């Protein structure tokens, strides 16, 4: 299975888009509990608070991930 994006994006945006697409698949397939593994130091570092999202675009992506995962944590 793969995901194809129809827009130009820098690597960091592509990583967040792919991550969010994966979360969307998890939600659609209702495959819980969820265990996330990623080789993206940016996404994991920002989510864990190790890195600060300075760019407004990256901050918006981080907030989307945080909202999604926060919603899932509350649903446990």
Foldseek 3Di string as FASTA:
>chain_A
DDDDDDDDDDPLVVVLVVVVVVLVVCVVVVDDDDDDDDPDCLLVCCLVVVDPDPDPVNVVSNVVVVVSVVVVVVVD
